[in-house]
Amino acid sequence: MDIDSPKPEILQNQIKDEDLFKAAEKGDASIFKALSQGHLHRALSLRNDDGRSLLHVAVSSGHAEVVRTLSAVDAFISVVNSTDEEGWAPLHSAASSGNTEIVEILLSRGADVNLKNNGGRTALHYAASKGWLKIAEVLISHGAKINLKDKVGCTPLHRAASTGNAELCEMLIEEGAEVDAIDKTGQTPLMNAVICHNKEVSLLLIRHGADVDVEDKEGYTVLGRASVDFRPLLIDAAKAMLEG
């Protein structure tokens, strides 16, 4: 006598919440594809001890197939901008990790490109901090605001200048980044680049008209922040701008 196989609904009810979080972390999309729409709807509302959803976990683990599967659920729009205890939305994590595919999935399904976390940072801040040029381009093409400041007053250009990615800095400036934006310490992107000893970015910013004479709140100018061996290069670049 054949024993009837368990009904799909019974199997679904046997799946524990922690199993779903493990699947999201490991990238096991099959478990989500096997769930009914109703079960997926409930799954999207789950949160772990850090206030992170299954979507947060899948995104931060870089599993695009899981993200795509979850994004097909009608209720996805209600969770795509949900935040964890630190105010991080899935888009922040995707931008920080440099996963272009996931960034595009989230944006296509309603992710707020200018949403700030508890530190006042947007996805563009994180793309700039990590030097992800392609991610920054995608975010900007979806309306990311170039000159938003985080809680310490830094714009994405401040962050990009610290990474030393000249191509990214160039793109941000071309898109309208304020070259002499000042953070809460009075420092500009050029100062950030100089402090981090990023010569190529420093010279790029000067060529785009960055002020070498501005003083931060400690009374230092750009030249004052520069190392002894770096200072002559900055002076020559500034002179060339004046003479040109």
C-alpha atoms as a PDB file:
ATOM      1  CA  MET A   1       0.000   0.000   0.000  1.00  0.00           C
ATOM      2  CA  ASP A   2       1.411   3.336  -1.069  1.00  0.00           C
ATOM      3  CA  ILE A   3       1.871   5.993   1.526  1.00  0.00           C
ATOM      4  CA  ASP A   4       0.589   9.363   0.394  1.00  0.00           C
ATOM      5  CA  SER A   5       3.241  12.061   0.107  1.00  0.00           C
ATOM      6  CA  PRO A   6       2.806  14.997   2.466  1.00  0.00           C
ATOM      7  CA  LYS A   7       0.903  17.867   0.955  1.00  0.00           C
ATOM      8  CA  PRO A   8       2.995  20.924   0.015  1.00  0.00           C
ATOM      9  CA  GLU A   9       1.144  22.992   2.622  1.00  0.00           C
ATOM     10  CA  ILE A  10       2.242  20.617   5.364  1.00  0.00           C
ATOM     11  CA  LEU A  11       5.849  20.765   4.213  1.00  0.00           C
ATOM     12  CA  GLN A  12       5.724  24.538   4.164  1.00  0.00           C
ATOM     13  CA  ASN A  13       4.355  24.654   7.669  1.00  0.00           C
ATOM     14  CA  GLN A  14       7.250  22.478   8.792  1.00  0.00           C
ATOM     15  CA  ILE A  15       9.822  24.989   7.592  1.00  0.00           C
ATOM     16  CA  LYS A  16      11.125  26.956  10.546  1.00  0.00           C
ATOM     17  CA  ASP A  17      11.882  30.661  10.438  1.00  0.00           C
ATOM     18  CA  GLU A  18      15.546  30.019  11.198  1.00  0.00           C
ATOM     19  CA  ASP A  19      15.689  27.667   8.200  1.00  0.00           C
ATOM     20  CA  LEU A  20      14.520  30.501   5.972  1.00  0.00           C
ATOM     21  CA  PHE A  21      17.204  32.816   7.318  1.00  0.00           C
ATOM     22  CA  LYS A  22      19.838  30.133   6.747  1.00  0.00           C
ATOM     23  CA  ALA A  23      18.591  29.664   3.185  1.00  0.00           C
ATOM     24  CA  ALA A  24      18.776  33.410   2.552  1.00  0.00           C
ATOM     25  CA  GLU A  25      22.317  33.505   3.902  1.00  0.00           C
ATOM     26  CA  LYS A  26      23.488  30.489   1.902  1.00  0.00           C
ATOM     27  CA  GLY A  27      21.691  31.473  -1.291  1.00  0.00           C
ATOM     28  CA  ASP A  28      19.311  28.516  -1.432  1.00  0.00           C
ATOM     29  CA  ALA A  29      16.653  29.993  -3.706  1.00  0.00           C
ATOM     30  CA  SER A  30      14.902  26.634  -4.168  1.00  0.00           C
ATOM     31  CA  ILE A  31      13.343  26.748  -0.713  1.00  0.00           C
ATOM     32  CA  PHE A  32      11.718  30.109  -1.502  1.00  0.00           C
ATOM     33  CA  LYS A  33      10.591  29.036  -4.959  1.00  0.00           C
ATOM     34  CA  ALA A  34       8.767  26.097  -3.366  1.00  0.00           C
ATOM     35  CA  LEU A  35       6.738  28.320  -1.050  1.00  0.00           C
ATOM     36  CA  SER A  36       3.247  29.576  -1.805  1.00  0.00           C
ATOM     37  CA  GLN A  37       2.597  33.276  -2.255  1.00  0.00           C
ATOM     38  CA  GLY A  38       0.932  33.369   1.142  1.00  0.00           C
ATOM     39  CA  HIS A  39       3.887  31.751   2.838  1.00  0.00           C
ATOM     40  CA  LEU A  40       6.312  34.073   1.032  1.00  0.00           C
ATOM     41  CA  HIS A  41       4.230  37.049   2.099  1.00  0.00           C
ATOM     42  CA  ARG A  42       4.601  35.980   5.720  1.00  0.00           C
ATOM     43  CA  ALA A  43       8.304  35.205   5.232  1.00  0.00           C
ATOM     44  CA  LEU A  44       8.991  38.744   4.038  1.00  0.00           C
ATOM     45  CA  SER A  45       7.696  40.106   7.345  1.00  0.00           C
ATOM     46  CA  LEU A  46      10.134  38.041   9.435  1.00  0.00           C
ATOM     47  CA  ARG A  47      12.915  39.830  11.350  1.00  0.00           C
ATOM     48  CA  ASN A  48      15.953  38.468  13.190  1.00  0.00           C
ATOM     49  CA  ASP A  49      17.419  39.794  16.448  1.00  0.00           C
ATOM     50  CA  ASP A  50      19.103  42.681  14.578  1.00  0.00           C
ATOM     51  CA  GLY A  51      15.858  43.746  12.942  1.00  0.00           C
ATOM     52  CA  ARG A  52      17.023  42.389   9.597  1.00  0.00           C
ATOM     53  CA  SER A  53      14.646  40.747   7.154  1.00  0.00           C
ATOM     54  CA  LEU A  54      15.265  37.790   4.862  1.00  0.00           C
ATOM     55  CA  LEU A  55      15.824  40.348   2.119  1.00  0.00           C
ATOM     56  CA  HIS A  56      18.519  42.098   4.188  1.00  0.00           C
ATOM     57  CA  VAL A  57      20.283  38.786   4.720  1.00  0.00           C
ATOM     58  CA  ALA A  58      20.093  37.695   1.080  1.00  0.00           C
ATOM     59  CA  VAL A  59      21.339  41.074  -0.122  1.00  0.00           C
ATOM     60  CA  SER A  60      24.244  41.338   2.313  1.00  0.00           C
ATOM     61  CA  SER A  61      25.236  37.758   1.418  1.00  0.00           C
ATOM     62  CA  GLY A  62      25.180  38.639  -2.286  1.00  0.00           C
ATOM     63  CA  HIS A  63      22.580  36.129  -3.439  1.00  0.00           C
ATOM     64  CA  ALA A  64      20.837  37.707  -6.430  1.00  0.00           C
ATOM     65  CA  GLU A  65      18.656  34.687  -7.204  1.00  0.00           C
ATOM     66  CA  VAL A  66      17.111  34.750  -3.734  1.00  0.00           C
ATOM     67  CA  VAL A  67      16.586  38.500  -3.996  1.00  0.00           C
ATOM     68  CA  ARG A  68      14.932  38.073  -7.401  1.00  0.00           C
ATOM     69  CA  THR A  69      12.668  35.335  -6.071  1.00  0.00           C
ATOM     70  CA  LEU A  70      11.581  37.443  -3.110  1.00  0.00           C
ATOM     71  CA  SER A  71      11.129  40.503  -5.333  1.00  0.00           C
ATOM     72  CA  ALA A  72       8.477  38.673  -7.364  1.00  0.00           C
ATOM     73  CA  VAL A  73       6.156  38.594  -4.347  1.00  0.00           C
ATOM     74  CA  ASP A  74       3.396  41.212  -4.350  1.00  0.00           C
ATOM     75  CA  ALA A  75       4.274  42.263  -0.806  1.00  0.00           C
ATOM     76  CA  PHE A  76       7.896  42.996  -1.750  1.00  0.00           C
ATOM     77  CA  ILE A  77       7.201  46.710  -2.261  1.00  0.00           C
ATOM     78  CA  SER A  78       6.253  47.005   1.408  1.00  0.00           C
ATOM     79  CA  VAL A  79       9.600  45.636   2.625  1.00  0.00           C
ATOM     80  CA  VAL A  80      12.132  46.806   0.042  1.00  0.00           C
ATOM     81  CA  ASN A  81      12.750  49.980   2.086  1.00  0.00           C
ATOM     82  CA  SER A  82      12.484  48.373   5.506  1.00  0.00           C
ATOM     83  CA  THR A  83      15.420  49.127   7.790  1.00  0.00           C
ATOM     84  CA  ASP A  84      17.321  47.243  10.473  1.00  0.00           C
ATOM     85  CA  GLU A  85      18.282  48.562  13.919  1.00  0.00           C
ATOM     86  CA  GLU A  86      20.967  50.820  12.401  1.00  0.00           C
ATOM     87  CA  GLY A  87      18.673  52.164   9.710  1.00  0.00           C
ATOM     88  CA  TRP A  88      20.225  50.115   6.928  1.00  0.00           C
ATOM     89  CA  ALA A  89      17.899  49.256   4.070  1.00  0.00           C
ATOM     90  CA  PRO A  90      18.764  46.418   1.659  1.00  0.00           C
ATOM     91  CA  LEU A  91      19.939  48.985  -0.916  1.00  0.00           C
ATOM     92  CA  HIS A  92      22.585  50.285   1.503  1.00  0.00           C
ATOM     93  CA  SER A  93      23.998  46.779   1.830  1.00  0.00           C
ATOM     94  CA  ALA A  94      23.897  46.104  -1.899  1.00  0.00           C
ATOM     95  CA  ALA A  95      25.682  49.369  -2.691  1.00  0.00           C
ATOM     96  CA  SER A  96      28.293  48.794  -0.004  1.00  0.00           C
ATOM     97  CA  SER A  97      29.077  45.270  -1.215  1.00  0.00           C
ATOM     98  CA  GLY A  98      29.266  46.369  -4.841  1.00  0.00           C
ATOM     99  CA  ASN A  99      26.628  44.022  -6.234  1.00  0.00           C
ATOM    100  CA  THR A 100      25.318  45.797  -9.319  1.00  0.00           C
ATOM    101  CA  GLU A 101      22.780  43.105 -10.180  1.00  0.00           C
ATOM    102  CA  ILE A 102      21.132  43.266  -6.777  1.00  0.00           C
ATOM    103  CA  VAL A 103      21.190  47.071  -6.756  1.00  0.00           C
ATOM    104  CA  GLU A 104      19.328  47.075 -10.071  1.00  0.00           C
ATOM    105  CA  ILE A 105      16.764  44.529  -8.849  1.00  0.00           C
ATOM    106  CA  LEU A 106      16.037  46.591  -5.733  1.00  0.00           C
ATOM    107  CA  LEU A 107      15.759  49.861  -7.645  1.00  0.00           C
ATOM    108  CA  SER A 108      13.448  48.287 -10.231  1.00  0.00           C
ATOM    109  CA  ARG A 109      11.161  47.171  -7.397  1.00  0.00           C
ATOM    110  CA  GLY A 110      10.854  50.485  -5.597  1.00  0.00           C
ATOM    111  CA  ALA A 111      13.954  50.928  -3.434  1.00  0.00           C
ATOM    112  CA  ASP A 112      14.331  54.547  -2.282  1.00  0.00           C
ATOM    113  CA  VAL A 113      17.668  55.621  -3.776  1.00  0.00           C
ATOM    114  CA  ASN A 114      18.014  58.556  -1.354  1.00  0.00           C
ATOM    115  CA  LEU A 115      16.978  56.810   1.847  1.00  0.00           C
ATOM    116  CA  LYS A 116      19.341  57.639   4.740  1.00  0.00           C
ATOM    117  CA  ASN A 117      20.359  55.279   7.521  1.00  0.00           C
ATOM    118  CA  ASN A 118      20.982  56.281  11.141  1.00  0.00           C
ATOM    119  CA  GLY A 119      24.339  57.730  10.151  1.00  0.00           C
ATOM    120  CA  GLY A 120      22.678  59.912   7.532  1.00  0.00           C
ATOM    121  CA  ARG A 121      24.292  57.979   4.694  1.00  0.00           C
ATOM    122  CA  THR A 122      22.627  57.012   1.438  1.00  0.00           C
ATOM    123  CA  ALA A 123      23.492  54.143  -0.875  1.00  0.00           C
ATOM    124  CA  LEU A 124      25.617  56.585  -2.901  1.00  0.00           C
ATOM    125  CA  HIS A 125      27.715  57.372   0.174  1.00  0.00           C
ATOM    126  CA  TYR A 126      28.536  53.669   0.473  1.00  0.00           C
ATOM    127  CA  ALA A 127      29.261  53.208  -3.220  1.00  0.00           C
ATOM    128  CA  ALA A 128      31.588  56.208  -3.029  1.00  0.00           C
ATOM    129  CA  SER A 129      33.248  54.974   0.172  1.00  0.00           C
ATOM    130  CA  LYS A 130      34.051  51.639  -1.440  1.00  0.00           C
ATOM    131  CA  GLY A 131      35.039  53.091  -4.821  1.00  0.00           C
ATOM    132  CA  TRP A 132      32.261  51.309  -6.742  1.00  0.00           C
ATOM    133  CA  LEU A 133      32.043  53.400  -9.932  1.00  0.00           C
ATOM    134  CA  LYS A 134      29.425  51.262 -11.704  1.00  0.00           C
ATOM    135  CA  ILE A 135      27.196  51.187  -8.621  1.00  0.00           C
ATOM    136  CA  ALA A 136      27.451  54.970  -8.301  1.00  0.00           C
ATOM    137  CA  GLU A 137      26.498  55.386 -11.968  1.00  0.00           C
ATOM    138  CA  VAL A 138      23.438  53.156 -11.550  1.00  0.00           C
ATOM    139  CA  LEU A 139      22.322  55.002  -8.419  1.00  0.00           C
ATOM    140  CA  ILE A 140      22.727  58.402 -10.068  1.00  0.00           C
ATOM    141  CA  SER A 141      20.809  57.221 -13.137  1.00  0.00           C
ATOM    142  CA  HIS A 142      17.945  56.415 -10.752  1.00  0.00           C
ATOM    143  CA  GLY A 143      17.949  59.845  -9.151  1.00  0.00           C
ATOM    144  CA  ALA A 144      20.538  59.650  -6.376  1.00  0.00           C
ATOM    145  CA  LYS A 145      21.238  63.136  -5.038  1.00  0.00           C
ATOM    146  CA  ILE A 146      24.915  63.975  -5.425  1.00  0.00           C
ATOM    147  CA  ASN A 147      25.382  66.446  -2.600  1.00  0.00           C
ATOM    148  CA  LEU A 148      23.453  64.956   0.306  1.00  0.00           C
ATOM    149  CA  LYS A 149      25.443  65.097   3.541  1.00  0.00           C
ATOM    150  CA  ASP A 150      25.633  62.438   6.216  1.00  0.00           C
ATOM    151  CA  LYS A 151      25.560  63.192   9.952  1.00  0.00           C
ATOM    152  CA  VAL A 152      29.182  64.299   9.958  1.00  0.00           C
ATOM    153  CA  GLY A 153      28.600  66.532   6.959  1.00  0.00           C
ATOM    154  CA  CYS A 154      30.308  64.374   4.348  1.00  0.00           C
ATOM    155  CA  THR A 155      29.041  64.191   0.780  1.00  0.00           C
ATOM    156  CA  PRO A 156      29.692  61.214  -1.501  1.00  0.00           C
ATOM    157  CA  LEU A 157      32.596  63.198  -2.996  1.00  0.00           C
ATOM    158  CA  HIS A 158      34.204  63.455   0.447  1.00  0.00           C
ATOM    159  CA  ARG A 159      33.976  59.671   0.684  1.00  0.00           C
ATOM    160  CA  ALA A 160      35.226  59.055  -2.832  1.00  0.00           C
ATOM    161  CA  ALA A 161      38.167  61.414  -2.334  1.00  0.00           C
ATOM    162  CA  SER A 162      39.269  59.316   0.628  1.00  0.00           C
ATOM    163  CA  THR A 163      39.296  56.115  -1.457  1.00  0.00           C
ATOM    164  CA  GLY A 164      41.667  57.470  -4.078  1.00  0.00           C
ATOM    165  CA  ASN A 165      39.394  56.512  -6.987  1.00  0.00           C
ATOM    166  CA  ALA A 166      40.002  59.371  -9.421  1.00  0.00           C
ATOM    167  CA  GLU A 167      37.593  58.044 -12.057  1.00  0.00           C
ATOM    168  CA  LEU A 168      34.771  57.954  -9.524  1.00  0.00           C
ATOM    169  CA  CYS A 169      35.585  61.466  -8.292  1.00  0.00           C
ATOM    170  CA  GLU A 170      35.640  62.729 -11.873  1.00  0.00           C
ATOM    171  CA  MET A 171      32.221  61.215 -12.540  1.00  0.00           C
ATOM    172  CA  LEU A 172      30.715  62.722  -9.384  1.00  0.00           C
ATOM    173  CA  ILE A 173      32.063  66.157 -10.275  1.00  0.00           C
ATOM    174  CA  GLU A 174      30.713  65.877 -13.816  1.00  0.00           C
ATOM    175  CA  GLU A 175      27.321  65.000 -12.337  1.00  0.00           C
ATOM    176  CA  GLY A 176      27.336  68.137 -10.190  1.00  0.00           C
ATOM    177  CA  ALA A 177      29.205  67.314  -6.979  1.00  0.00           C
ATOM    178  CA  GLU A 178      30.256  70.424  -5.041  1.00  0.00           C
ATOM    179  CA  VAL A 179      34.046  70.413  -5.095  1.00  0.00           C
ATOM    180  CA  ASP A 180      34.385  72.596  -1.989  1.00  0.00           C
ATOM    181  CA  ALA A 181      31.607  71.085   0.133  1.00  0.00           C
ATOM    182  CA  ILE A 182      32.499  71.379   3.823  1.00  0.00           C
ATOM    183  CA  ASP A 183      31.855  68.747   6.473  1.00  0.00           C
ATOM    184  CA  LYS A 184      31.311  69.435  10.186  1.00  0.00           C
ATOM    185  CA  THR A 185      35.057  69.661  10.798  1.00  0.00           C
ATOM    186  CA  GLY A 186      35.365  72.246   8.043  1.00  0.00           C
ATOM    187  CA  GLN A 187      37.165  69.858   5.738  1.00  0.00           C
ATOM    188  CA  THR A 188      36.620  69.617   1.991  1.00  0.00           C
ATOM    189  CA  PRO A 189      36.986  66.613  -0.321  1.00  0.00           C
ATOM    190  CA  LEU A 190      40.436  67.939  -1.249  1.00  0.00           C
ATOM    191  CA  MET A 191      41.474  67.889   2.406  1.00  0.00           C
ATOM    192  CA  ASN A 192      40.233  64.307   2.681  1.00  0.00           C
ATOM    193  CA  ALA A 193      42.270  63.326  -0.357  1.00  0.00           C
ATOM    194  CA  VAL A 194      45.380  65.082   0.968  1.00  0.00           C
ATOM    195  CA  ILE A 195      45.062  63.544   4.442  1.00  0.00           C
ATOM    196  CA  CYS A 196      44.751  60.094   2.834  1.00  0.00           C
ATOM    197  CA  HIS A 197      47.724  60.931   0.586  1.00  0.00           C
ATOM    198  CA  ASN A 198      45.727  60.334  -2.585  1.00  0.00           C
ATOM    199  CA  LYS A 199      47.826  62.339  -5.018  1.00  0.00           C
ATOM    200  CA  GLU A 200      45.900  61.664  -8.225  1.00  0.00           C
ATOM    201  CA  VAL A 201      42.569  62.641  -6.669  1.00  0.00           C
ATOM    202  CA  SER A 202      44.081  65.714  -5.012  1.00  0.00           C
ATOM    203  CA  LEU A 203      45.460  67.000  -8.306  1.00  0.00           C
ATOM    204  CA  LEU A 204      42.165  66.179 -10.031  1.00  0.00           C
ATOM    205  CA  LEU A 205      40.215  68.240  -7.495  1.00  0.00           C
ATOM    206  CA  ILE A 206      42.587  71.173  -7.866  1.00  0.00           C
ATOM    207  CA  ARG A 207      42.162  71.026 -11.646  1.00  0.00           C
ATOM    208  CA  HIS A 208      38.424  71.271 -11.026  1.00  0.00           C
ATOM    209  CA  GLY A 209      38.919  74.426  -8.988  1.00  0.00           C
ATOM    210  CA  ALA A 210      39.108  73.090  -5.413  1.00  0.00           C
ATOM    211  CA  ASP A 211      40.189  75.808  -2.966  1.00  0.00           C
ATOM    212  CA  VAL A 212      43.652  75.136  -1.493  1.00  0.00           C
ATOM    213  CA  ASP A 213      43.401  78.083   0.915  1.00  0.00           C
ATOM    214  CA  VAL A 214      40.229  77.136   2.797  1.00  0.00           C
ATOM    215  CA  GLU A 215      40.798  76.486   6.515  1.00  0.00           C
ATOM    216  CA  ASP A 216      39.178  73.718   8.543  1.00  0.00           C
ATOM    217  CA  LYS A 217      37.950  74.237  12.095  1.00  0.00           C
ATOM    218  CA  GLU A 218      41.407  73.515  13.488  1.00  0.00           C
ATOM    219  CA  GLY A 219      42.879  76.273  11.372  1.00  0.00           C
ATOM    220  CA  TYR A 220      44.642  74.033   8.861  1.00  0.00           C
ATOM    221  CA  THR A 221      44.611  74.695   5.138  1.00  0.00           C
ATOM    222  CA  VAL A 222      45.006  72.029   2.484  1.00  0.00           C
ATOM    223  CA  LEU A 223      48.747  72.695   2.391  1.00  0.00           C
ATOM    224  CA  GLY A 224      48.863  72.555   6.171  1.00  0.00           C
ATOM    225  CA  ARG A 225      47.335  69.093   6.079  1.00  0.00           C
ATOM    226  CA  ALA A 226      49.744  67.871   3.394  1.00  0.00           C
ATOM    227  CA  SER A 227      52.921  65.948   4.135  1.00  0.00           C
ATOM    228  CA  VAL A 228      56.247  67.638   3.414  1.00  0.00           C
ATOM    229  CA  ASP A 229      56.863  65.620   0.244  1.00  0.00           C
ATOM    230  CA  PHE A 230      53.293  66.137  -1.011  1.00  0.00           C
ATOM    231  CA  ARG A 231      53.147  69.903  -0.506  1.00  0.00           C
ATOM    232  CA  PRO A 232      55.300  70.941  -3.529  1.00  0.00           C
ATOM    233  CA  LEU A 233      53.039  68.979  -5.896  1.00  0.00           C
ATOM    234  CA  LEU A 234      49.976  70.756  -4.560  1.00  0.00           C
ATOM    235  CA  ILE A 235      51.642  74.160  -4.819  1.00  0.00           C
ATOM    236  CA  ASP A 236      52.685  73.520  -8.411  1.00  0.00           C
ATOM    237  CA  ALA A 237      49.167  72.350  -9.289  1.00  0.00           C
ATOM    238  CA  ALA A 238      47.602  75.425  -7.687  1.00  0.00           C
ATOM    239  CA  LYS A 239      50.033  77.722  -9.511  1.00  0.00           C
ATOM    240  CA  ALA A 240      49.264  76.032 -12.815  1.00  0.00           C
ATOM    241  CA  MET A 241      45.559  76.691 -12.240  1.00  0.00           C
ATOM    242  CA  LEU A 242      46.189  80.365 -11.520  1.00  0.00           C
ATOM    243  CA  GLU A 243      48.411  80.777 -14.535  1.00  0.00           C
ATOM    244  CA  GLY A 244      46.074  78.857 -16.812  1.00  0.00           C
END
